[in-house]
């Protein structure tokens, strides 16, 4: 995100319009190499020593998102609803940096039962990506996830600071 001297978000002519309500000044979280660790308003609250995302140049890296309601920081009920919420959490964070789902360059999905949850992941992706095209995706079956959850998704997005 481009900010002025007073750290107010700026949107240039070549940058996608992002509602100001989604923009967060995270300049205080910049590393010497210029990586910014992100904590946008409305995102879930990290429960440990991690950030929900980072920006390095024109790429935004969203940490593994699960089906957590950002208002309550608790898991939502229902398998499909939980998977959809995980994708929505990732989408919200990407949008805070000017990216849309169509700007995803890679997804990694973790499920605890491949045969049971892969069809639901596919269904939710079909809905959210409006039938495609779809980004490259790796889906892995894992023994367990935090809080005995069933699903987690992480994403990398291309979100140029300037066109």
Protein backbone atom coordinates (compact mmCIF):
# COMPACT_ATOMS: atom_id res chain seq x y z
CA UNK A 1 0.00 0.00 0.00
CA UNK A 2 1.23 3.50 -0.78
CA UNK A 3 0.91 6.03 2.05
CA UNK A 4 1.61 9.75 2.27
CA UNK A 5 3.97 11.41 4.79
CA UNK A 6 1.24 11.24 7.44
CA UNK A 7 0.71 7.50 6.76
CA UNK A 8 -2.69 7.98 5.11
CA UNK A 9 -3.44 5.44 2.36
CA UNK A 10 -3.14 6.72 -1.20
CA UNK A 11 -4.63 5.12 -4.27
CA UNK A 12 -2.89 6.09 -7.50
CA UNK A 13 -4.46 5.91 -10.94
CA UNK A 14 -2.72 2.62 -11.69
CA UNK A 15 -3.60 0.90 -8.45
CA UNK A 16 -6.84 -0.99 -7.85
CA UNK A 17 -9.35 0.86 -5.73
CA UNK A 18 -9.45 -0.57 -2.22
CA UNK A 19 -12.00 0.79 0.24
CA UNK A 20 -10.25 2.87 2.89
CA UNK A 21 -12.01 0.76 5.52
CA UNK A 22 -9.83 -2.19 4.46
CA UNK A 23 -6.52 -0.35 4.40
CA UNK A 24 -4.27 -0.48 7.42
CA UNK A 25 -1.03 1.40 7.94
CA UNK A 26 1.50 -1.25 8.90
CA UNK A 27 4.62 0.77 8.15
CA UNK A 28 5.80 0.28 11.74
CA UNK A 29 6.09 -3.45 10.93
CA UNK A 30 8.58 -3.03 8.07
CA UNK A 31 11.81 -5.05 8.11
CA UNK A 32 15.13 -3.56 6.94
CA UNK A 33 14.61 -5.37 3.60
CA UNK A 34 11.17 -3.78 3.20
CA UNK A 35 8.95 -6.72 4.13
CA UNK A 36 5.80 -5.54 5.92
CA UNK A 37 3.91 -7.73 8.34
CA UNK A 38 0.20 -7.10 8.00
CA UNK A 39 -2.61 -6.90 10.50
CA UNK A 40 -5.59 -5.41 8.65
CA UNK A 41 -8.69 -4.29 10.48
CA UNK A 42 -11.37 -6.97 10.36
CA UNK A 43 -8.95 -9.90 10.10
CA UNK A 44 -8.76 -12.71 12.61
CA UNK A 45 -6.48 -12.15 15.60
CA UNK A 46 -3.33 -14.30 15.61
CA UNK A 47 -3.18 -16.66 18.56
CA UNK A 48 0.59 -16.85 18.78
CA UNK A 49 3.86 -15.66 17.35
CA UNK A 50 2.72 -15.10 13.76
CA UNK A 51 1.21 -12.46 11.49
CA UNK A 52 -1.82 -13.02 9.28
CA UNK A 53 0.12 -11.88 6.21
CA UNK A 54 3.16 -10.12 4.85
CA UNK A 55 3.92 -8.02 1.80
CA UNK A 56 7.23 -8.32 -0.02
CA UNK A 57 7.32 -6.07 -3.05
CA UNK A 58 4.38 -6.84 -5.32
CA UNK A 59 3.40 -10.05 -3.53
CA UNK A 60 1.17 -10.64 -0.52
CA UNK A 61 1.58 -13.86 1.43
CA UNK A 62 -1.43 -14.82 3.53
CA UNK A 63 -0.84 -17.25 6.40
CA UNK A 64 -2.96 -20.35 6.80
CA UNK A 65 -6.55 -19.26 7.35
CA UNK A 66 -9.16 -21.47 8.94
CA UNK A 67 -12.90 -21.09 9.35
CA UNK A 68 -12.66 -18.60 12.18
CA UNK A 69 -15.26 -15.87 12.57
CA UNK A 70 -13.17 -12.68 12.88
CA UNK A 71 -15.81 -11.06 15.10
CA UNK A 72 -15.65 -13.77 17.76
CA UNK A 73 -12.32 -15.49 16.93
CA UNK A 74 -14.11 -18.84 17.14
CA UNK A 75 -14.64 -21.57 14.54
CA UNK A 76 -17.88 -21.35 12.58
CA UNK A 77 -20.25 -24.32 12.59
CA UNK A 78 -20.69 -26.62 9.59
CA UNK A 79 -18.07 -28.14 7.31
CA UNK A 80 -18.82 -26.17 4.15
CA UNK A 81 -19.38 -22.95 6.12
CA UNK A 82 -16.02 -23.40 7.85
CA UNK A 83 -14.20 -23.96 4.56
CA UNK A 84 -15.92 -20.95 2.99
CA UNK A 85 -15.01 -18.79 6.01
CA UNK A 86 -11.36 -19.80 5.69
CA UNK A 87 -11.32 -18.65 2.07
CA UNK A 88 -13.20 -15.45 3.01
CA UNK A 89 -10.64 -14.68 5.72
CA UNK A 90 -7.85 -15.07 3.15
CA UNK A 91 -9.82 -12.93 0.66
CA UNK A 92 -10.32 -10.14 3.23
CA UNK A 93 -6.61 -9.96 4.02
CA UNK A 94 -5.62 -9.99 0.33
CA UNK A 95 -8.17 -7.24 -0.38
CA UNK A 96 -6.61 -5.06 2.31
CA UNK A 97 -3.55 -4.89 0.02
CA UNK A 98 -5.46 -4.41 -3.24
CA UNK A 99 -5.65 -8.05 -4.39
CA UNK A 100 -8.68 -10.04 -5.45
CA UNK A 101 -9.10 -13.81 -5.46
CA UNK A 102 -8.35 -13.72 -9.17
CA UNK A 103 -4.89 -12.36 -8.26
CA UNK A 104 -3.95 -15.53 -6.38
CA UNK A 105 -0.81 -17.06 -7.86
CA UNK A 106 -0.73 -20.09 -5.56
CA UNK A 107 -2.84 -21.76 -2.90
CA UNK A 108 -1.97 -24.47 -0.42
CA UNK A 109 -4.88 -26.27 1.25
CA UNK A 110 -4.67 -28.62 4.20
CA UNK A 111 -7.54 -31.01 5.06
CA UNK A 112 -7.83 -33.73 7.67
CA UNK A 113 -9.80 -36.12 5.41
CA UNK A 114 -9.10 -35.84 1.69
CA UNK A 115 -12.06 -37.88 0.42
CA UNK A 116 -14.50 -36.01 2.66
CA UNK A 117 -13.30 -32.40 2.37
CA UNK A 118 -11.71 -32.09 -1.09
CA UNK A 119 -15.13 -32.03 -2.81
CA UNK A 120 -16.25 -29.25 -0.44
CA UNK A 121 -13.06 -27.28 -1.12
CA UNK A 122 -13.71 -27.65 -4.87
CA UNK A 123 -17.33 -26.52 -4.46
CA UNK A 124 -16.38 -23.44 -2.44
CA UNK A 125 -13.63 -22.52 -4.92
CA UNK A 126 -16.06 -22.89 -7.84
CA UNK A 127 -18.42 -20.48 -6.08
CA UNK A 128 -15.82 -17.92 -5.01
CA UNK A 129 -13.92 -17.93 -8.31
CA UNK A 130 -17.19 -17.89 -10.30
CA UNK A 131 -16.28 -20.95 -12.34
CA UNK A 132 -12.61 -20.11 -12.96
CA UNK A 133 -9.95 -19.71 -13.99
CA UNK A 134 -8.44 -21.16 -10.83
CA UNK A 135 -4.99 -20.55 -9.38
CA UNK A 136 -2.48 -23.38 -8.96
CA UNK A 137 -3.35 -25.30 -5.80
CA UNK A 138 -1.70 -27.96 -3.71
CA UNK A 139 -4.02 -29.87 -1.39
CA UNK A 140 -2.59 -32.05 1.35
CA UNK A 141 -4.13 -34.42 3.86
CA UNK A 142 -2.71 -33.89 7.34
CA UNK A 143 -3.20 -35.82 10.56
CA UNK A 144 -4.54 -32.82 12.47
CA UNK A 145 -4.86 -29.05 12.53
CA UNK A 146 -5.02 -26.53 15.37
CA UNK A 147 -8.20 -26.76 17.49
CA UNK A 148 -9.02 -30.07 15.78
CA UNK A 149 -10.07 -28.10 12.70
CA UNK A 150 -10.73 -29.77 9.32
CA UNK A 151 -9.35 -27.20 6.84
CA UNK A 152 -6.73 -24.49 6.36
CA UNK A 153 -5.80 -22.44 3.29
CA UNK A 154 -2.82 -20.20 2.62
CA UNK A 155 -2.37 -18.02 -0.43
CA UNK A 156 0.12 -15.95 -2.37
CA UNK A 157 -1.25 -12.98 -4.29
CA UNK A 158 0.16 -10.65 -6.92
CA UNK A 159 -0.76 -7.11 -5.90
CA UNK A 160 1.52 -4.58 -7.61
CA UNK A 161 2.11 -1.36 -5.74
CA UNK A 162 2.17 0.35 -9.16
CA UNK A 163 1.04 -0.84 -12.56
